[in-house]
Amino acid sequence: MAEVHAEMVANVWKVVVAEGDTVEEGDTLVILESMKMEIPVLAEDDGVVSQLKVAEGDVVQEGDLIAVIS
């Protein structure tokens, strides 16, 4: 099981995956927006998205849980 956390304060601009989706290492999970820059959040392991903790329009803080991959 791998937890994916936000690395900075940002807005969730786009959610690319859904719970139950199979992902591979390096796949984009969500795209964050901060200071007019788009920052992709990538899967760090292969697996299935078992929990998705954000939605488009949410604001995340540094360290917030974005997703769990199992």
N, C-alpha and C. Protein backbone atom coordinates (compact mmCIF):
# COMPACT_ATOMS: atom_id res chain seq x y z
N MET A 1 0.85 -1.18 0.00
CA MET A 1 0.00 0.00 0.00
C MET A 1 0.89 1.25 0.00
N ALA A 2 0.57 2.20 -0.85
CA ALA A 2 1.33 3.44 -0.92
C ALA A 2 0.39 4.62 -0.76
N GLU A 3 0.78 5.56 0.09
CA GLU A 3 0.01 6.78 0.26
C GLU A 3 0.65 7.88 -0.57
N VAL A 4 -0.17 8.68 -1.23
CA VAL A 4 0.32 9.80 -2.02
C VAL A 4 -0.12 11.08 -1.33
N HIS A 5 0.86 11.93 -1.00
CA HIS A 5 0.59 13.16 -0.25
C HIS A 5 0.92 14.39 -1.10
N ALA A 6 0.26 15.49 -0.78
CA ALA A 6 0.55 16.76 -1.46
C ALA A 6 1.91 17.28 -0.99
N GLU A 7 2.67 17.81 -1.92
CA GLU A 7 3.99 18.33 -1.59
C GLU A 7 3.97 19.84 -1.34
N MET A 8 2.81 20.47 -1.60
CA MET A 8 2.71 21.91 -1.42
C MET A 8 1.25 22.31 -1.26
N VAL A 9 1.02 23.54 -0.87
CA VAL A 9 -0.34 24.09 -0.83
C VAL A 9 -0.75 24.38 -2.27
N ALA A 10 -1.91 23.88 -2.68
CA ALA A 10 -2.35 24.05 -4.07
C ALA A 10 -3.84 23.76 -4.18
N ASN A 11 -4.40 24.15 -5.32
CA ASN A 11 -5.77 23.81 -5.67
C ASN A 11 -5.76 22.53 -6.49
N VAL A 12 -6.76 21.69 -6.29
CA VAL A 12 -6.91 20.50 -7.13
C VAL A 12 -7.60 20.96 -8.41
N TRP A 13 -6.84 21.02 -9.48
CA TRP A 13 -7.35 21.52 -10.75
C TRP A 13 -8.10 20.43 -11.51
N LYS A 14 -7.54 19.21 -11.55
CA LYS A 14 -8.18 18.12 -12.28
C LYS A 14 -7.87 16.79 -11.62
N VAL A 15 -8.88 15.95 -11.49
CA VAL A 15 -8.71 14.59 -11.00
C VAL A 15 -8.73 13.68 -12.21
N VAL A 16 -7.65 12.93 -12.40
CA VAL A 16 -7.48 12.12 -13.61
C VAL A 16 -7.96 10.68 -13.42
N VAL A 17 -7.87 10.17 -12.18
CA VAL A 17 -8.24 8.78 -11.90
C VAL A 17 -9.46 8.72 -10.99
N ALA A 18 -10.01 7.54 -10.87
CA ALA A 18 -11.14 7.29 -9.96
C ALA A 18 -10.80 6.10 -9.08
N GLU A 19 -11.48 5.98 -7.95
CA GLU A 19 -11.29 4.80 -7.11
C GLU A 19 -11.57 3.55 -7.94
N GLY A 20 -10.71 2.55 -7.78
CA GLY A 20 -10.86 1.30 -8.53
C GLY A 20 -10.03 1.25 -9.80
N ASP A 21 -9.49 2.39 -10.24
CA ASP A 21 -8.66 2.42 -11.44
C ASP A 21 -7.31 1.75 -11.16
N THR A 22 -6.80 1.04 -12.15
CA THR A 22 -5.46 0.46 -12.08
C THR A 22 -4.48 1.49 -12.61
N VAL A 23 -3.39 1.71 -11.88
CA VAL A 23 -2.38 2.68 -12.29
C VAL A 23 -1.00 2.02 -12.27
N GLU A 24 -0.10 2.59 -13.05
CA GLU A 24 1.29 2.15 -13.06
C GLU A 24 2.16 3.27 -12.52
N GLU A 25 3.32 2.93 -12.03
CA GLU A 25 4.26 3.93 -11.53
C GLU A 25 4.47 5.01 -12.59
N GLY A 26 4.32 6.26 -12.19
CA GLY A 26 4.51 7.38 -13.11
C GLY A 26 3.22 7.90 -13.73
N ASP A 27 2.11 7.18 -13.56
CA ASP A 27 0.82 7.67 -14.08
C ASP A 27 0.37 8.90 -13.28
N THR A 28 -0.27 9.83 -13.96
CA THR A 28 -0.80 11.02 -13.29
C THR A 28 -2.09 10.67 -12.56
N LEU A 29 -2.17 11.05 -11.28
CA LEU A 29 -3.37 10.82 -10.48
C LEU A 29 -4.26 12.06 -10.47
N VAL A 30 -3.67 13.19 -10.13
CA VAL A 30 -4.37 14.47 -10.13
C VAL A 30 -3.41 15.54 -10.62
N ILE A 31 -3.97 16.68 -11.01
CA ILE A 31 -3.16 17.82 -11.39
C ILE A 31 -3.50 18.96 -10.43
N LEU A 32 -2.46 19.45 -9.76
CA LEU A 32 -2.62 20.57 -8.84
C LEU A 32 -2.28 21.86 -9.57
N GLU A 33 -2.83 22.97 -9.08
CA GLU A 33 -2.53 24.29 -9.64
C GLU A 33 -2.09 25.19 -8.50
N SER A 34 -0.93 25.80 -8.70
CA SER A 34 -0.41 26.73 -7.72
C SER A 34 0.35 27.83 -8.46
N MET A 35 0.00 29.07 -8.19
CA MET A 35 0.65 30.22 -8.81
C MET A 35 0.66 30.09 -10.35
N LYS A 36 -0.49 29.67 -10.90
CA LYS A 36 -0.71 29.52 -12.35
C LYS A 36 0.17 28.45 -12.99
N MET A 37 0.74 27.57 -12.16
CA MET A 37 1.51 26.43 -12.68
C MET A 37 0.71 25.15 -12.43
N GLU A 38 0.73 24.24 -13.41
CA GLU A 38 0.09 22.95 -13.25
C GLU A 38 1.13 21.94 -12.79
N ILE A 39 0.85 21.24 -11.70
CA ILE A 39 1.78 20.28 -11.13
C ILE A 39 1.12 18.91 -11.09
N PRO A 40 1.59 17.96 -11.91
CA PRO A 40 1.01 16.62 -11.86
C PRO A 40 1.47 15.87 -10.61
N VAL A 41 0.55 15.12 -10.01
CA VAL A 41 0.88 14.25 -8.89
C VAL A 41 0.88 12.84 -9.45
N LEU A 42 2.02 12.16 -9.33
CA LEU A 42 2.21 10.88 -9.99
C LEU A 42 2.12 9.71 -9.02
N ALA A 43 1.70 8.55 -9.55
CA ALA A 43 1.69 7.31 -8.77
C ALA A 43 3.14 6.88 -8.54
N GLU A 44 3.45 6.50 -7.32
CA GLU A 44 4.81 6.08 -6.99
C GLU A 44 4.98 4.57 -7.11
N ASP A 45 3.87 3.83 -7.23
CA ASP A 45 3.89 2.37 -7.35
C ASP A 45 2.78 1.93 -8.30
N ASP A 46 2.91 0.71 -8.82
CA ASP A 46 1.82 0.09 -9.57
C ASP A 46 0.76 -0.36 -8.57
N GLY A 47 -0.50 -0.36 -9.00
CA GLY A 47 -1.56 -0.86 -8.12
C GLY A 47 -2.92 -0.35 -8.52
N VAL A 48 -3.83 -0.42 -7.56
CA VAL A 48 -5.21 0.02 -7.75
C VAL A 48 -5.48 1.18 -6.80
N VAL A 49 -6.13 2.23 -7.30
CA VAL A 49 -6.49 3.37 -6.45
C VAL A 49 -7.61 2.90 -5.52
N SER A 50 -7.25 2.68 -4.25
CA SER A 50 -8.25 2.17 -3.31
C SER A 50 -8.99 3.30 -2.60
N GLN A 51 -8.33 4.47 -2.47
CA GLN A 51 -8.98 5.63 -1.87
C GLN A 51 -8.53 6.88 -2.62
N LEU A 52 -9.47 7.74 -2.92
CA LEU A 52 -9.17 9.04 -3.52
C LEU A 52 -9.75 10.08 -2.59
N LYS A 53 -8.90 10.90 -2.00
CA LYS A 53 -9.30 11.79 -0.91
C LYS A 53 -9.54 13.23 -1.35
N VAL A 54 -9.45 13.53 -2.64
CA VAL A 54 -9.64 14.91 -3.12
C VAL A 54 -10.63 14.94 -4.27
N ALA A 55 -11.17 16.12 -4.51
CA ALA A 55 -12.07 16.36 -5.64
C ALA A 55 -11.64 17.66 -6.30
N GLU A 56 -12.03 17.82 -7.56
CA GLU A 56 -11.70 19.05 -8.27
C GLU A 56 -12.23 20.25 -7.51
N GLY A 57 -11.38 21.27 -7.35
CA GLY A 57 -11.77 22.47 -6.63
C GLY A 57 -11.32 22.48 -5.18
N ASP A 58 -10.91 21.33 -4.65
CA ASP A 58 -10.42 21.28 -3.27
C ASP A 58 -9.10 22.04 -3.16
N VAL A 59 -8.79 22.48 -1.95
CA VAL A 59 -7.49 23.06 -1.65
C VAL A 59 -6.77 22.09 -0.74
N VAL A 60 -5.54 21.70 -1.11
CA VAL A 60 -4.75 20.80 -0.28
C VAL A 60 -3.61 21.57 0.37
N GLN A 61 -3.25 21.12 1.54
CA GLN A 61 -2.11 21.68 2.27
C GLN A 61 -0.94 20.70 2.14
N GLU A 62 0.25 21.19 2.35
CA GLU A 62 1.42 20.33 2.30
C GLU A 62 1.23 19.16 3.27
N GLY A 63 1.40 17.94 2.77
CA GLY A 63 1.25 16.74 3.59
C GLY A 63 -0.11 16.10 3.58
N ASP A 64 -1.11 16.77 3.00
CA ASP A 64 -2.46 16.19 2.94
C ASP A 64 -2.46 14.92 2.09
N LEU A 65 -3.25 13.94 2.50
CA LEU A 65 -3.39 12.70 1.76
C LEU A 65 -4.23 12.93 0.50
N ILE A 66 -3.69 12.54 -0.63
CA ILE A 66 -4.41 12.68 -1.90
C ILE A 66 -5.05 11.36 -2.30
N ALA A 67 -4.27 10.27 -2.23
CA ALA A 67 -4.79 8.98 -2.65
C ALA A 67 -4.03 7.85 -1.97
N VAL A 68 -4.65 6.67 -1.96
CA VAL A 68 -4.00 5.46 -1.46
C VAL A 68 -4.02 4.45 -2.60
N ILE A 69 -2.85 3.87 -2.88
CA ILE A 69 -2.74 2.87 -3.94
C ILE A 69 -2.38 1.55 -3.27
N SER A 70 -3.18 0.51 -3.56
CA SER A 70 -2.92 -0.80 -2.95
C SER A 70 -2.74 -1.86 -4.01
